[in-house]
N, C-alpha and C. Protein backbone atom coordinates (compact mmCIF):
# COMPACT_ATOMS: atom_id res chain seq x y z
N MET A 1 -18.67 0.59 -1.35
CA MET A 1 -17.25 0.66 -1.12
C MET A 1 -16.99 1.21 0.24
N ARG A 2 -16.21 0.46 1.05
CA ARG A 2 -15.94 0.86 2.43
C ARG A 2 -14.57 1.56 2.55
N TYR A 3 -14.57 2.60 3.31
CA TYR A 3 -13.36 3.38 3.56
C TYR A 3 -13.21 3.53 5.07
N TYR A 4 -11.96 3.37 5.54
CA TYR A 4 -11.67 3.45 6.97
C TYR A 4 -11.02 4.78 7.22
N SER A 5 -11.39 5.32 8.44
CA SER A 5 -10.72 6.53 8.92
C SER A 5 -9.71 6.19 10.02
N THR A 6 -8.46 6.39 9.62
CA THR A 6 -7.43 6.02 10.48
C THR A 6 -6.86 7.20 11.38
N GLN A 7 -7.34 8.39 11.07
CA GLN A 7 -6.81 9.54 11.83
C GLN A 7 -7.79 10.09 12.84
N ARG A 8 -9.07 9.84 12.69
CA ARG A 8 -10.07 10.51 13.59
C ARG A 8 -11.36 9.77 13.44
N PRO A 9 -12.28 9.90 14.42
CA PRO A 9 -13.60 9.34 14.27
C PRO A 9 -14.33 10.08 13.14
N ILE A 10 -15.33 9.44 12.54
CA ILE A 10 -16.05 10.06 11.46
C ILE A 10 -17.10 11.03 11.96
N ILE A 11 -16.88 12.30 11.68
CA ILE A 11 -17.80 13.30 12.06
C ILE A 11 -18.03 14.22 10.90
N PRO A 12 -19.04 15.08 10.92
CA PRO A 12 -19.29 16.04 9.80
C PRO A 12 -17.99 16.80 9.40
N GLY A 13 -17.78 16.88 8.15
CA GLY A 13 -16.57 17.61 7.75
C GLY A 13 -15.27 16.78 7.54
N CYS A 14 -15.26 15.52 8.01
CA CYS A 14 -14.11 14.71 7.91
C CYS A 14 -14.24 13.64 6.81
N CYS A 15 -15.27 13.75 5.99
CA CYS A 15 -15.36 12.86 4.82
C CYS A 15 -16.20 13.54 3.72
N PRO A 16 -15.95 13.07 2.49
CA PRO A 16 -16.71 13.71 1.40
C PRO A 16 -18.30 13.65 1.62
N ARG A 17 -18.96 14.72 1.33
CA ARG A 17 -20.44 14.77 1.48
C ARG A 17 -21.01 14.23 0.20
N ARG A 18 -21.69 13.16 0.21
CA ARG A 18 -22.37 12.56 -0.92
C ARG A 18 -23.72 12.05 -0.50
N ASN A 19 -24.59 11.93 -1.38
CA ASN A 19 -25.92 11.33 -1.14
C ASN A 19 -25.81 9.83 -1.09
N GLU A 20 -24.64 9.29 -1.52
CA GLU A 20 -24.42 7.83 -1.73
C GLU A 20 -23.96 7.11 -0.42
N VAL A 21 -23.95 7.79 0.67
CA VAL A 21 -23.45 7.13 1.98
C VAL A 21 -24.57 6.15 2.38
N SER A 22 -24.17 4.87 2.59
CA SER A 22 -25.11 3.90 3.06
C SER A 22 -24.93 3.62 4.53
N GLU A 23 -23.75 3.80 5.04
CA GLU A 23 -23.56 3.55 6.53
C GLU A 23 -22.30 4.30 7.03
N ILE A 24 -22.40 4.75 8.20
CA ILE A 24 -21.26 5.33 8.90
C ILE A 24 -21.15 4.60 10.23
N HIS A 25 -20.00 4.07 10.57
CA HIS A 25 -19.86 3.34 11.83
C HIS A 25 -18.52 3.81 12.54
N ASN A 26 -18.68 4.36 13.73
CA ASN A 26 -17.54 4.67 14.53
C ASN A 26 -17.33 3.63 15.61
N PHE A 27 -16.03 3.20 15.85
CA PHE A 27 -15.81 2.30 16.89
C PHE A 27 -15.70 3.04 18.18
N ASP A 28 -15.82 2.37 19.33
CA ASP A 28 -15.67 3.01 20.70
C ASP A 28 -14.30 3.57 20.91
N GLU A 29 -13.34 2.90 20.32
CA GLU A 29 -11.88 3.31 20.43
C GLU A 29 -11.19 2.95 19.14
N LYS A 30 -10.08 3.43 18.98
CA LYS A 30 -9.24 3.06 17.75
C LYS A 30 -9.05 1.49 17.83
N THR A 31 -9.41 0.85 16.71
CA THR A 31 -9.50 -0.66 16.70
C THR A 31 -8.74 -1.18 15.46
N PHE A 32 -8.04 -2.29 15.69
CA PHE A 32 -7.29 -2.97 14.61
C PHE A 32 -8.32 -3.54 13.63
N CYS A 33 -8.19 -3.27 12.35
CA CYS A 33 -9.08 -3.70 11.27
C CYS A 33 -8.26 -4.59 10.32
N GLU A 34 -8.54 -5.88 10.23
CA GLU A 34 -7.82 -6.81 9.49
C GLU A 34 -7.85 -6.44 8.00
N LYS A 35 -8.93 -5.90 7.53
CA LYS A 35 -9.12 -5.63 6.10
C LYS A 35 -8.10 -4.58 5.60
N ILE A 36 -7.58 -3.69 6.47
CA ILE A 36 -6.55 -2.75 6.06
C ILE A 36 -5.22 -2.95 6.79
N GLY A 37 -5.19 -3.85 7.69
CA GLY A 37 -3.90 -4.15 8.40
C GLY A 37 -3.43 -3.16 9.30
N MET A 38 -4.30 -2.28 9.87
CA MET A 38 -3.99 -1.25 10.80
C MET A 38 -5.17 -0.80 11.65
N GLU A 39 -4.96 0.01 12.58
CA GLU A 39 -6.02 0.54 13.41
C GLU A 39 -6.79 1.67 12.74
N ALA A 40 -8.04 1.78 13.04
CA ALA A 40 -8.91 2.78 12.46
C ALA A 40 -9.96 3.15 13.52
N TRP A 41 -10.50 4.35 13.37
CA TRP A 41 -11.52 4.91 14.26
C TRP A 41 -12.92 4.48 13.82
N GLY A 42 -13.09 4.13 12.59
CA GLY A 42 -14.46 3.68 12.08
C GLY A 42 -14.37 3.61 10.58
N TYR A 43 -15.53 3.45 9.99
CA TYR A 43 -15.60 3.28 8.52
C TYR A 43 -16.88 3.95 7.99
N ILE A 44 -16.80 4.22 6.74
CA ILE A 44 -18.00 4.79 6.00
C ILE A 44 -18.13 4.01 4.75
N ASP A 45 -19.35 3.65 4.50
CA ASP A 45 -19.67 2.94 3.26
C ASP A 45 -20.38 3.86 2.27
N TYR A 46 -19.83 3.87 1.06
CA TYR A 46 -20.45 4.60 -0.08
C TYR A 46 -20.99 3.60 -1.06
N ASN A 47 -22.01 4.03 -1.77
CA ASN A 47 -22.60 3.20 -2.85
C ASN A 47 -21.68 3.15 -4.08
N SER A 48 -20.75 4.12 -4.18
CA SER A 48 -19.81 4.13 -5.28
C SER A 48 -18.39 4.46 -4.81
N GLU A 49 -17.48 4.15 -5.63
CA GLU A 49 -16.06 4.42 -5.22
C GLU A 49 -15.68 5.92 -5.17
N LEU A 50 -14.84 6.32 -4.25
CA LEU A 50 -14.31 7.64 -4.20
C LEU A 50 -13.17 7.76 -5.12
N SER A 51 -12.86 8.90 -5.64
CA SER A 51 -11.61 9.07 -6.44
C SER A 51 -10.41 9.02 -5.46
N GLU A 52 -9.25 8.64 -5.95
CA GLU A 52 -8.00 8.60 -5.11
C GLU A 52 -7.80 9.90 -4.44
N GLU A 53 -8.10 11.03 -5.15
CA GLU A 53 -7.83 12.34 -4.59
C GLU A 53 -8.79 12.59 -3.37
N GLU A 54 -10.09 12.23 -3.58
CA GLU A 54 -11.07 12.44 -2.47
C GLU A 54 -10.64 11.63 -1.22
N ALA A 55 -10.31 10.35 -1.43
CA ALA A 55 -9.91 9.52 -0.32
C ALA A 55 -8.65 10.06 0.36
N ALA A 56 -7.66 10.50 -0.41
CA ALA A 56 -6.43 11.08 0.12
C ALA A 56 -6.68 12.35 0.90
N GLU A 57 -7.53 13.21 0.32
CA GLU A 57 -7.84 14.51 0.91
C GLU A 57 -8.44 14.38 2.31
N TYR A 58 -9.25 13.31 2.52
CA TYR A 58 -9.90 13.04 3.80
C TYR A 58 -9.22 11.98 4.59
N GLU A 59 -8.05 11.56 4.16
CA GLU A 59 -7.26 10.55 4.87
C GLU A 59 -8.09 9.29 5.08
N LEU A 60 -8.77 8.80 4.06
CA LEU A 60 -9.57 7.60 4.17
C LEU A 60 -8.83 6.51 3.41
N LEU A 61 -8.86 5.26 3.96
CA LEU A 61 -8.22 4.21 3.35
C LEU A 61 -9.32 3.24 2.83
N PRO A 62 -9.21 2.85 1.56
CA PRO A 62 -10.20 1.88 1.02
C PRO A 62 -9.95 0.45 1.62
N GLU A 63 -11.02 -0.28 1.72
CA GLU A 63 -10.94 -1.56 2.38
C GLU A 63 -10.09 -2.55 1.59
N ASN A 64 -9.99 -2.36 0.26
CA ASN A 64 -9.33 -3.38 -0.49
C ASN A 64 -7.83 -3.16 -0.69
N LEU A 65 -7.19 -2.54 0.32
CA LEU A 65 -5.76 -2.30 0.24
C LEU A 65 -5.07 -3.66 0.27
N LYS A 66 -3.94 -3.81 -0.52
CA LYS A 66 -3.15 -4.94 -0.53
C LYS A 66 -1.76 -4.62 -0.06
N THR A 67 -1.01 -5.63 0.42
CA THR A 67 0.35 -5.42 0.75
C THR A 67 1.29 -5.85 -0.43
N PHE A 68 2.25 -5.02 -0.70
CA PHE A 68 3.17 -5.26 -1.76
C PHE A 68 4.59 -5.23 -1.20
N TRP A 69 5.42 -6.12 -1.75
CA TRP A 69 6.81 -6.25 -1.24
C TRP A 69 7.78 -5.69 -2.34
N ALA A 70 8.73 -4.83 -1.85
CA ALA A 70 9.74 -4.33 -2.77
C ALA A 70 11.00 -5.12 -2.62
N VAL A 71 11.57 -5.50 -3.81
CA VAL A 71 12.88 -6.17 -3.83
C VAL A 71 13.84 -5.19 -4.54
N THR A 72 14.92 -4.86 -3.80
CA THR A 72 15.98 -4.01 -4.41
C THR A 72 17.12 -4.87 -4.79
N THR A 73 17.52 -4.77 -6.08
CA THR A 73 18.59 -5.62 -6.58
C THR A 73 19.61 -4.65 -7.14
N ALA A 74 20.89 -4.80 -6.81
CA ALA A 74 21.97 -4.05 -7.39
C ALA A 74 22.86 -4.99 -8.19
N PHE A 75 23.04 -4.65 -9.43
CA PHE A 75 24.05 -5.39 -10.32
C PHE A 75 25.26 -4.53 -10.49
N TYR A 76 26.38 -4.95 -9.84
CA TYR A 76 27.56 -4.21 -9.92
C TYR A 76 28.40 -4.52 -11.21
N ASP A 77 29.14 -3.55 -11.63
CA ASP A 77 29.97 -3.72 -12.84
C ASP A 77 30.97 -4.83 -12.73
N ASP A 78 31.41 -5.19 -11.49
CA ASP A 78 32.34 -6.25 -11.28
C ASP A 78 31.72 -7.67 -11.25
N GLY A 79 30.37 -7.69 -11.47
CA GLY A 79 29.71 -9.00 -11.50
C GLY A 79 28.94 -9.38 -10.22
N ARG A 80 29.20 -8.65 -9.15
CA ARG A 80 28.46 -8.93 -7.86
C ARG A 80 27.04 -8.60 -8.07
N VAL A 81 26.13 -9.29 -7.33
CA VAL A 81 24.75 -9.03 -7.28
C VAL A 81 24.31 -9.05 -5.81
N VAL A 82 23.57 -8.04 -5.42
CA VAL A 82 22.96 -7.93 -4.06
C VAL A 82 21.52 -7.75 -4.20
N SER A 83 20.76 -8.61 -3.51
CA SER A 83 19.28 -8.55 -3.63
C SER A 83 18.62 -8.85 -2.30
N ASN A 84 17.65 -8.01 -1.89
CA ASN A 84 16.97 -8.18 -0.70
C ASN A 84 15.54 -7.58 -0.77
N ILE A 85 14.63 -8.06 0.13
CA ILE A 85 13.35 -7.37 0.29
C ILE A 85 13.69 -6.16 1.17
N THR A 86 13.38 -5.00 0.63
CA THR A 86 13.74 -3.74 1.31
C THR A 86 12.55 -2.92 1.85
N ASN A 87 11.35 -3.26 1.44
CA ASN A 87 10.18 -2.42 1.81
C ASN A 87 8.93 -3.17 1.60
N THR A 88 7.86 -2.81 2.36
CA THR A 88 6.50 -3.17 2.03
C THR A 88 5.64 -1.96 2.03
N THR A 89 4.52 -2.05 1.37
CA THR A 89 3.61 -0.86 1.42
C THR A 89 2.24 -1.43 1.19
N LYS A 90 1.25 -0.70 1.71
CA LYS A 90 -0.15 -1.05 1.50
C LYS A 90 -0.70 -0.08 0.53
N ALA A 91 -1.33 -0.62 -0.54
CA ALA A 91 -1.92 0.23 -1.57
C ALA A 91 -3.00 -0.51 -2.30
N VAL A 92 -3.77 0.17 -3.09
CA VAL A 92 -4.85 -0.44 -3.91
C VAL A 92 -4.17 -1.00 -5.16
N LEU A 93 -3.24 -0.29 -5.71
CA LEU A 93 -2.54 -0.71 -6.87
C LEU A 93 -1.01 -0.98 -6.60
N LYS A 94 -0.48 -1.91 -7.33
CA LYS A 94 0.97 -2.23 -7.14
C LYS A 94 1.83 -1.05 -7.57
N PRO A 95 2.81 -0.57 -6.77
CA PRO A 95 3.71 0.58 -7.23
C PRO A 95 4.46 0.11 -8.45
N GLU A 96 4.86 1.16 -9.19
CA GLU A 96 5.69 0.93 -10.38
C GLU A 96 7.09 0.51 -10.06
N ASN A 97 7.62 -0.43 -10.94
CA ASN A 97 8.99 -0.78 -10.83
C ASN A 97 9.89 0.34 -11.28
N VAL A 98 11.02 0.48 -10.71
CA VAL A 98 11.93 1.54 -11.16
C VAL A 98 13.43 0.93 -11.24
N CYS A 99 14.21 1.65 -12.04
CA CYS A 99 15.57 1.31 -12.18
C CYS A 99 16.43 2.53 -12.29
N LYS A 100 17.69 2.47 -11.79
CA LYS A 100 18.56 3.63 -11.84
C LYS A 100 19.93 3.16 -12.19
N SER A 101 20.60 3.75 -13.09
CA SER A 101 21.98 3.37 -13.46
C SER A 101 22.91 4.39 -12.81
N LEU A 102 23.81 3.87 -12.09
CA LEU A 102 24.82 4.66 -11.40
C LEU A 102 26.25 4.39 -12.03
N ALA A 103 27.24 5.03 -11.55
CA ALA A 103 28.53 4.84 -12.15
C ALA A 103 29.05 3.43 -12.12
N ARG A 104 28.78 2.69 -11.01
CA ARG A 104 29.40 1.37 -10.90
C ARG A 104 28.38 0.22 -10.70
N LYS A 105 27.05 0.65 -10.81
CA LYS A 105 26.03 -0.46 -10.64
C LYS A 105 24.75 0.04 -11.16
N ASP A 106 23.89 -0.87 -11.46
CA ASP A 106 22.49 -0.58 -11.79
C ASP A 106 21.58 -1.12 -10.62
N ILE A 107 20.64 -0.28 -10.25
CA ILE A 107 19.75 -0.68 -9.18
C ILE A 107 18.35 -0.77 -9.62
N TYR A 108 17.72 -1.84 -9.32
CA TYR A 108 16.37 -2.18 -9.72
C TYR A 108 15.52 -2.30 -8.48
N VAL A 109 14.31 -1.68 -8.42
CA VAL A 109 13.36 -1.95 -7.38
C VAL A 109 12.12 -2.48 -8.03
N ASP A 110 11.81 -3.79 -7.74
CA ASP A 110 10.67 -4.46 -8.29
C ASP A 110 9.69 -4.74 -7.22
N TRP A 111 8.36 -4.56 -7.45
CA TRP A 111 7.34 -4.77 -6.48
C TRP A 111 6.60 -6.12 -6.82
N PHE A 112 6.20 -6.82 -5.74
CA PHE A 112 5.51 -8.16 -5.83
C PHE A 112 4.34 -8.18 -4.97
N GLU A 113 3.34 -8.97 -5.42
CA GLU A 113 2.10 -9.11 -4.75
C GLU A 113 2.08 -10.06 -3.56
N SER A 114 3.16 -10.84 -3.43
CA SER A 114 3.25 -11.77 -2.25
C SER A 114 4.74 -11.79 -1.81
N GLU A 115 4.85 -12.11 -0.60
CA GLU A 115 6.24 -12.31 -0.05
C GLU A 115 6.91 -13.48 -0.70
N LYS A 116 6.20 -14.48 -1.02
CA LYS A 116 6.72 -15.70 -1.70
C LYS A 116 7.28 -15.29 -3.10
N GLU A 117 6.55 -14.58 -3.84
CA GLU A 117 7.12 -14.06 -5.13
C GLU A 117 8.38 -13.21 -4.94
N ALA A 118 8.33 -12.37 -3.92
CA ALA A 118 9.49 -11.50 -3.64
C ALA A 118 10.75 -12.32 -3.29
N LEU A 119 10.55 -13.31 -2.43
CA LEU A 119 11.65 -14.23 -1.98
C LEU A 119 12.22 -14.97 -3.17
N ALA A 120 11.30 -15.46 -4.06
CA ALA A 120 11.79 -16.19 -5.25
C ALA A 120 12.64 -15.29 -6.11
N HIS A 121 12.16 -14.02 -6.28
CA HIS A 121 12.98 -13.08 -7.08
C HIS A 121 14.35 -12.80 -6.52
N VAL A 122 14.40 -12.71 -5.16
CA VAL A 122 15.66 -12.49 -4.46
C VAL A 122 16.61 -13.68 -4.73
N LYS A 123 16.04 -14.87 -4.60
CA LYS A 123 16.85 -16.09 -4.81
C LYS A 123 17.38 -16.19 -6.27
N GLU A 124 16.52 -15.91 -7.17
CA GLU A 124 16.88 -15.88 -8.60
C GLU A 124 18.04 -14.87 -8.90
N ALA A 125 17.82 -13.64 -8.36
CA ALA A 125 18.82 -12.49 -8.63
C ALA A 125 20.17 -12.98 -7.99
N ARG A 126 20.22 -13.51 -6.87
CA ARG A 126 21.44 -13.90 -6.21
C ARG A 126 22.16 -15.03 -6.90
N ASN A 127 21.47 -15.80 -7.71
CA ASN A 127 22.06 -16.90 -8.49
C ASN A 127 22.44 -16.54 -9.88
N CYS A 128 22.38 -15.22 -10.19
CA CYS A 128 22.74 -14.78 -11.54
C CYS A 128 24.26 -14.88 -11.74
């Protein structure tokens, strides 16, 4: 399992100490890495997966991050509907959908695994 260091080069003390490290590679400078969609100082390969807590504690990003799109939809009591893509995030797992009921509207935030799915949801919501 490959983890990228986006905050600093990989040196002793900046990553979990395990016997399962198979490779450590530092780049000459901070370099854009397509696998995580951002710049990193290098990567470290482990023979097994780190826990989310371990990776977060050392600010390491796993290679298999995916991009998720958030669609926020507001259903107003008067019948109006407003829906747009409002956010993207990179994560291993899709964030949870949430809803909130307010005095004059209900707001839903739904997450999608592709921009195409998100746009289709926006179009469908606007046609309600």
